[in-house]
Amino acid sequence: MILKQSVLILFFLTAISAWGVTTPKPEIKYHRCSSCATGGFVLKKWLMQHSESGQSMGWIDWRGTDCADGLVFIVACINSCVTITVEKKIAEELYVYQGTMEECSDDLIHSSPDLPNHGENFKAFYEDAVFVATRMGHKITYNFTRKSFIDLHDEGVEQRHKVDDQVYITSSGVMKVTDFTTMDYVTAVAVVISFFIIIGACKVICCKSSSVPKTEPIFLNGENAELVPLEPNNNELPDELDDDDDVKENVVKKSETKKDVENDNDEKENKKTGDSPV
């Protein structure tokens, strides 16, 4: 019974530890881009979504942001960040700034005559590149970068923390944090508990088998029923048994002698009765 319970507990703990183990998914490397637009760029929506010229790109609600004032949203991004700057041509080789947009390039530009291959490869573009095009009296600059100023700021903070940590470790000495996860702790505890359960079950079984008393043959001796153990390899009865047999024979002989005396007395009385006159 104890072994059965131990096996069930071990199976239960193993199932719990195995349940938390999942196949790791490939890690997606995200970085961060700023998301913003100036008022002048928003007014150029007709230019940036001019389908007759083959321009097709997403349009996001940038209300509450302003790239010029540094008011931006921060978005997670897989591919490059893109900054689009629009300038208006007012004279030969003279352009006036109109507006700027900053955004993550993931699935943003579907097609564009301003980019190589009509912009077909820029929905997932992860390179550092700058493209300049003129279209409909405007100069449009696409600046793709794998690291935004937010990424550069984060890397600087991280690097500063690393330097601070190194100085702190050198001066104070910090214990290294292990990579032991929660499931590792559960598995270790399950193994230890299972070990003690198995040891306890074996101990109970061994103690139970050793505590069973051994039966020994006995002999009832005399009228007081004294218990006399018999040795397993001794086929001879104890000496007390011979004495009991002698006692029994003496008792039988005495009883026979007493009966003979009584019979003789009866015969004498019968003779006297027969000789007496009638």
Protein backbone atom coordinates (compact mmCIF):
# COMPACT_ATOMS: atom_id res chain seq x y z
CA MET A 1 0.00 0.00 0.00
CA ILE A 2 2.81 2.41 0.90
CA LEU A 3 4.67 1.60 -2.31
CA LYS A 4 1.53 2.27 -4.34
CA GLN A 5 1.07 5.68 -2.72
CA SER A 6 4.74 6.49 -3.25
CA VAL A 7 4.50 5.64 -6.95
CA LEU A 8 1.38 7.79 -7.33
CA ILE A 9 3.02 10.77 -5.59
CA LEU A 10 6.15 10.40 -7.73
CA PHE A 11 4.05 10.26 -10.90
CA PHE A 12 2.07 13.32 -9.81
CA LEU A 13 5.21 15.38 -9.12
CA THR A 14 6.77 14.30 -12.41
CA ALA A 15 3.60 15.31 -14.27
CA ILE A 16 3.66 18.75 -12.61
CA SER A 17 7.30 19.35 -13.50
CA ALA A 18 6.75 18.12 -17.08
CA TRP A 19 3.62 20.25 -17.50
CA GLY A 20 5.63 23.48 -17.07
CA VAL A 21 8.19 22.46 -19.70
CA THR A 22 7.21 23.92 -23.09
CA THR A 23 8.96 24.07 -26.40
CA PRO A 24 10.71 27.44 -26.52
CA LYS A 25 9.58 29.70 -29.31
CA PRO A 26 12.17 31.52 -31.39
CA GLU A 27 12.96 34.80 -29.70
CA ILE A 28 11.89 37.89 -31.61
CA LYS A 29 14.37 40.72 -31.31
CA TYR A 30 12.49 43.95 -30.74
CA HIS A 31 13.94 47.40 -30.54
CA ARG A 32 12.16 50.69 -30.10
CA CYS A 33 11.26 53.44 -32.53
CA SER A 34 9.71 56.84 -32.06
CA SER A 35 6.27 57.44 -33.57
CA CYS A 36 5.39 61.05 -34.36
CA ALA A 37 4.57 63.53 -37.10
CA THR A 38 4.56 67.29 -37.56
CA GLY A 39 1.56 69.23 -38.66
CA GLY A 40 3.12 69.99 -42.06
CA PHE A 41 3.60 66.29 -42.82
CA VAL A 42 -0.01 65.47 -41.93
CA LEU A 43 -1.10 68.08 -44.47
CA LYS A 44 0.88 66.18 -47.13
CA LYS A 45 -1.22 63.04 -46.78
CA TRP A 46 -2.44 63.43 -50.34
CA LEU A 47 1.19 63.23 -51.50
CA MET A 48 2.18 60.24 -49.41
CA GLN A 49 -0.93 58.27 -50.35
CA HIS A 50 -1.21 59.26 -53.98
CA SER A 51 -2.38 56.01 -55.49
CA GLU A 52 -2.31 57.32 -59.10
CA SER A 53 1.48 57.55 -58.88
CA GLY A 54 1.74 54.13 -57.21
CA GLN A 55 2.29 55.40 -53.68
CA SER A 56 0.74 53.18 -50.97
CA MET A 57 1.63 53.38 -47.30
CA GLY A 58 -0.03 53.15 -43.94
CA TRP A 59 -1.31 56.18 -42.13
CA ILE A 60 -1.33 56.36 -38.33
CA ASP A 61 -3.09 58.69 -35.94
CA TRP A 62 -0.23 60.83 -34.66
CA ARG A 63 -2.40 63.29 -32.76
CA GLY A 64 -0.73 64.47 -29.58
CA THR A 65 2.75 64.12 -31.04
CA ASP A 66 5.16 66.56 -32.64
CA CYS A 67 8.56 65.45 -33.87
CA ALA A 68 9.86 69.02 -33.84
CA ASP A 69 9.07 69.44 -30.15
CA GLY A 70 10.18 65.92 -29.17
CA LEU A 71 6.65 64.72 -28.35
CA VAL A 72 6.70 61.11 -29.54
CA PHE A 73 5.14 57.74 -28.93
CA ILE A 74 7.51 54.83 -28.37
CA VAL A 75 6.67 51.65 -30.30
CA ALA A 76 8.27 48.22 -30.47
CA CYS A 77 9.74 47.37 -33.84
CA ILE A 78 11.40 44.39 -35.54
CA ASN A 79 12.76 46.06 -38.66
CA SER A 80 14.30 49.46 -39.26
CA CYS A 81 12.91 52.72 -38.02
CA VAL A 82 12.12 55.19 -40.80
CA THR A 83 12.10 58.98 -40.90
CA ILE A 84 10.37 60.61 -43.88
CA THR A 85 11.03 64.28 -44.58
CA VAL A 86 9.02 66.27 -47.11
CA GLU A 87 10.32 69.47 -48.76
CA LYS A 88 8.50 71.64 -51.30
CA LYS A 89 10.25 72.95 -54.42
CA ILE A 90 9.97 76.69 -54.75
CA ALA A 91 12.73 77.30 -57.28
CA GLU A 92 15.36 75.44 -59.22
CA GLU A 93 17.33 73.40 -56.70
CA LEU A 94 15.62 75.21 -53.85
CA TYR A 95 13.30 73.39 -51.47
CA VAL A 96 11.50 74.49 -48.34
CA TYR A 97 10.94 72.17 -45.42
CA GLN A 98 7.34 71.06 -44.99
CA GLY A 99 7.22 68.33 -42.35
CA THR A 100 8.62 65.11 -40.87
CA MET A 101 7.26 61.72 -39.84
CA GLU A 102 9.02 59.06 -37.72
CA GLU A 103 7.69 55.54 -37.50
CA CYS A 104 8.52 51.83 -37.37
CA SER A 105 8.83 50.52 -40.93
CA ASP A 106 7.14 47.16 -40.19
CA ASP A 107 4.48 46.73 -42.88
CA LEU A 108 4.33 50.51 -43.39
CA ILE A 109 5.25 51.07 -47.05
CA HIS A 110 3.55 48.67 -49.45
CA SER A 111 4.63 50.32 -52.67
CA SER A 112 6.30 53.57 -53.66
CA PRO A 113 7.82 55.00 -56.84
CA ASP A 114 10.32 56.78 -54.60
CA LEU A 115 12.08 53.53 -53.56
CA PRO A 116 14.00 50.79 -55.44
CA ASN A 117 11.86 48.03 -56.97
CA HIS A 118 8.87 50.31 -56.52
CA GLY A 119 9.10 49.80 -52.77
CA GLU A 120 8.05 46.14 -52.84
CA ASN A 121 10.76 45.03 -50.39
CA PHE A 122 10.25 47.66 -47.73
CA LYS A 123 7.49 46.09 -45.64
CA ALA A 124 10.26 44.22 -43.80
CA PHE A 125 13.40 46.24 -44.36
CA TYR A 126 16.19 45.92 -41.80
CA GLU A 127 19.08 47.98 -43.09
CA ASP A 128 20.61 51.40 -42.71
CA ALA A 129 19.84 53.29 -45.92
CA VAL A 130 18.82 56.72 -47.24
CA PHE A 131 16.72 57.25 -50.39
CA VAL A 132 15.91 60.67 -51.93
CA ALA A 133 13.27 61.15 -54.62
CA THR A 134 11.46 64.07 -56.29
CA ARG A 135 7.80 63.71 -57.10
CA MET A 136 5.01 66.15 -57.84
CA GLY A 137 7.08 69.24 -56.94
CA HIS A 138 8.37 67.81 -53.71
CA LYS A 139 11.59 66.23 -52.50
CA ILE A 140 10.97 63.22 -50.29
CA THR A 141 13.77 61.71 -48.17
CA TYR A 142 13.45 58.21 -46.63
CA ASN A 143 16.00 57.57 -43.89
CA PHE A 144 15.99 53.93 -42.63
CA THR A 145 18.00 53.15 -39.50
CA ARG A 146 18.28 50.02 -37.38
CA LYS A 147 18.87 52.08 -34.26
CA SER A 148 16.71 55.01 -33.29
CA PHE A 149 17.79 57.68 -30.86
CA ILE A 150 15.75 55.78 -28.25
CA ASP A 151 17.83 52.64 -28.86
CA LEU A 152 21.02 54.68 -28.61
CA HIS A 153 19.80 56.22 -25.37
CA ASP A 154 18.89 52.78 -23.95
CA GLU A 155 22.26 51.37 -24.93
CA GLY A 156 24.00 54.29 -23.25
CA VAL A 157 21.99 53.73 -20.06
CA GLU A 158 22.67 50.01 -20.20
CA GLN A 159 26.36 50.56 -20.74
CA ARG A 160 26.45 53.00 -17.83
CA HIS A 161 24.71 50.43 -15.65
CA LYS A 162 27.25 47.81 -16.71
CA VAL A 163 30.10 50.12 -15.74
CA ASP A 164 28.39 50.88 -12.42
CA ASP A 165 27.86 47.18 -11.81
CA GLN A 166 31.49 46.42 -12.55
CA VAL A 167 32.64 49.08 -10.14
CA TYR A 168 30.18 47.85 -7.53
CA ILE A 169 31.24 44.23 -7.98
CA THR A 170 34.90 45.18 -7.76
CA SER A 171 34.41 47.19 -4.59
CA SER A 172 31.78 45.16 -2.74
CA GLY A 173 31.71 41.74 -4.29
CA VAL A 174 28.30 40.57 -5.42
CA MET A 175 27.17 36.95 -5.54
CA LYS A 176 26.49 35.77 -9.05
CA VAL A 177 22.82 35.16 -9.77
CA THR A 178 22.21 31.66 -11.09
CA ASP A 179 19.93 30.77 -13.97
CA PHE A 180 17.93 28.33 -11.82
CA THR A 181 14.28 28.66 -12.85
CA THR A 182 11.11 27.87 -10.92
CA MET A 183 10.65 24.57 -12.75
CA ASP A 184 14.18 23.56 -11.79
CA TYR A 185 13.30 24.10 -8.14
CA VAL A 186 10.07 22.08 -8.52
CA THR A 187 11.96 19.22 -10.16
CA ALA A 188 14.64 19.21 -7.47
CA VAL A 189 12.04 19.19 -4.68
CA ALA A 190 10.16 16.36 -6.41
CA VAL A 191 13.33 14.27 -6.63
CA VAL A 192 14.17 14.84 -2.94
CA ILE A 193 10.62 14.03 -1.77
CA SER A 194 10.53 10.89 -3.93
CA PHE A 195 13.86 9.76 -2.46
CA PHE A 196 12.60 10.08 1.12
CA ILE A 197 9.31 8.35 0.25
CA ILE A 198 11.12 5.38 -1.25
CA ILE A 199 13.52 5.15 1.74
CA GLY A 200 10.59 5.32 4.17
CA ALA A 201 8.63 2.65 2.29
CA CYS A 202 11.61 0.27 2.26
CA LYS A 203 12.21 0.87 5.98
CA VAL A 204 8.57 0.13 6.85
CA ILE A 205 8.57 -3.06 4.80
CA CYS A 206 11.83 -4.31 6.34
CA CYS A 207 10.71 -3.53 9.91
CA LYS A 208 7.38 -5.22 9.30
CA SER A 209 9.01 -8.43 8.06
CA SER A 210 11.50 -8.53 10.96
CA SER A 211 8.81 -7.94 13.63
CA VAL A 212 6.84 -11.10 12.77
CA PRO A 213 7.42 -13.58 15.71
CA LYS A 214 8.76 -17.04 14.94
CA THR A 215 6.61 -19.93 16.10
CA GLU A 216 8.38 -22.51 18.26
CA PRO A 217 7.10 -26.00 19.07
CA ILE A 218 6.09 -26.45 22.77
CA PHE A 219 5.28 -29.36 25.05
CA LEU A 220 2.83 -29.35 27.97
CA ASN A 221 4.62 -30.92 30.94
CA GLY A 222 2.80 -32.29 33.99
CA GLU A 223 -0.36 -31.21 35.74
CA ASN A 224 0.70 -27.51 35.98
CA ALA A 225 0.99 -27.33 32.11
CA GLU A 226 4.51 -25.97 32.10
CA LEU A 227 5.62 -24.83 28.61
CA VAL A 228 8.74 -26.62 27.49
CA PRO A 229 10.09 -25.47 24.06
CA LEU A 230 11.31 -28.14 21.71
CA GLU A 231 14.45 -27.63 19.68
CA PRO A 232 13.80 -27.80 15.91
CA ASN A 233 16.58 -30.32 15.25
CA ASN A 234 15.99 -32.39 18.38
CA ASN A 235 13.82 -35.41 17.62
CA GLU A 236 13.95 -36.69 21.22
CA LEU A 237 11.41 -35.66 23.82
CA PRO A 238 12.62 -34.06 27.05
CA ASP A 239 13.50 -36.15 30.08
CA GLU A 240 10.43 -34.91 31.93
CA LEU A 241 8.31 -36.90 29.48
CA ASP A 242 9.87 -40.21 30.67
CA ASP A 243 9.11 -39.30 34.27
CA ASP A 244 5.50 -38.67 33.42
CA ASP A 245 5.26 -42.08 31.75
CA ASP A 246 6.66 -43.75 34.92
CA VAL A 247 4.15 -41.89 37.05
CA LYS A 248 1.31 -43.00 34.78
CA GLU A 249 2.44 -46.66 34.95
CA ASN A 250 2.62 -46.50 38.78
CA VAL A 251 -0.87 -45.04 38.97
CA VAL A 252 -2.22 -47.80 36.73
CA LYS A 253 -0.53 -50.51 38.83
CA LYS A 254 -1.92 -49.06 42.10
CA SER A 255 -5.41 -48.94 40.66
CA GLU A 256 -5.20 -52.59 39.56
CA THR A 257 -3.96 -53.70 43.02
CA LYS A 258 -6.80 -51.84 44.72
CA LYS A 259 -9.34 -53.53 42.48
CA ASP A 260 -7.91 -57.01 43.29
CA VAL A 261 -8.17 -56.33 47.05
CA GLU A 262 -11.77 -55.24 46.71
CA ASN A 263 -12.63 -58.36 44.74
CA ASP A 264 -11.07 -60.60 47.43
CA ASN A 265 -13.09 -58.91 50.14
CA ASP A 266 -16.29 -59.39 48.19
CA GLU A 267 -15.61 -63.11 47.74
CA LYS A 268 -14.99 -63.57 51.50
CA GLU A 269 -18.25 -61.87 52.38
CA ASN A 270 -20.12 -64.04 49.89
CA LYS A 271 -18.63 -67.22 51.42
CA LYS A 272 -19.66 -66.16 54.91
CA THR A 273 -23.14 -65.47 53.72
CA GLY A 274 -23.34 -68.88 52.03
CA ASP A 275 -22.12 -70.84 55.13
CA SER A 276 -24.57 -69.14 57.53
CA PRO A 277 -27.74 -71.26 58.41
CA VAL A 278 -30.96 -70.44 56.71
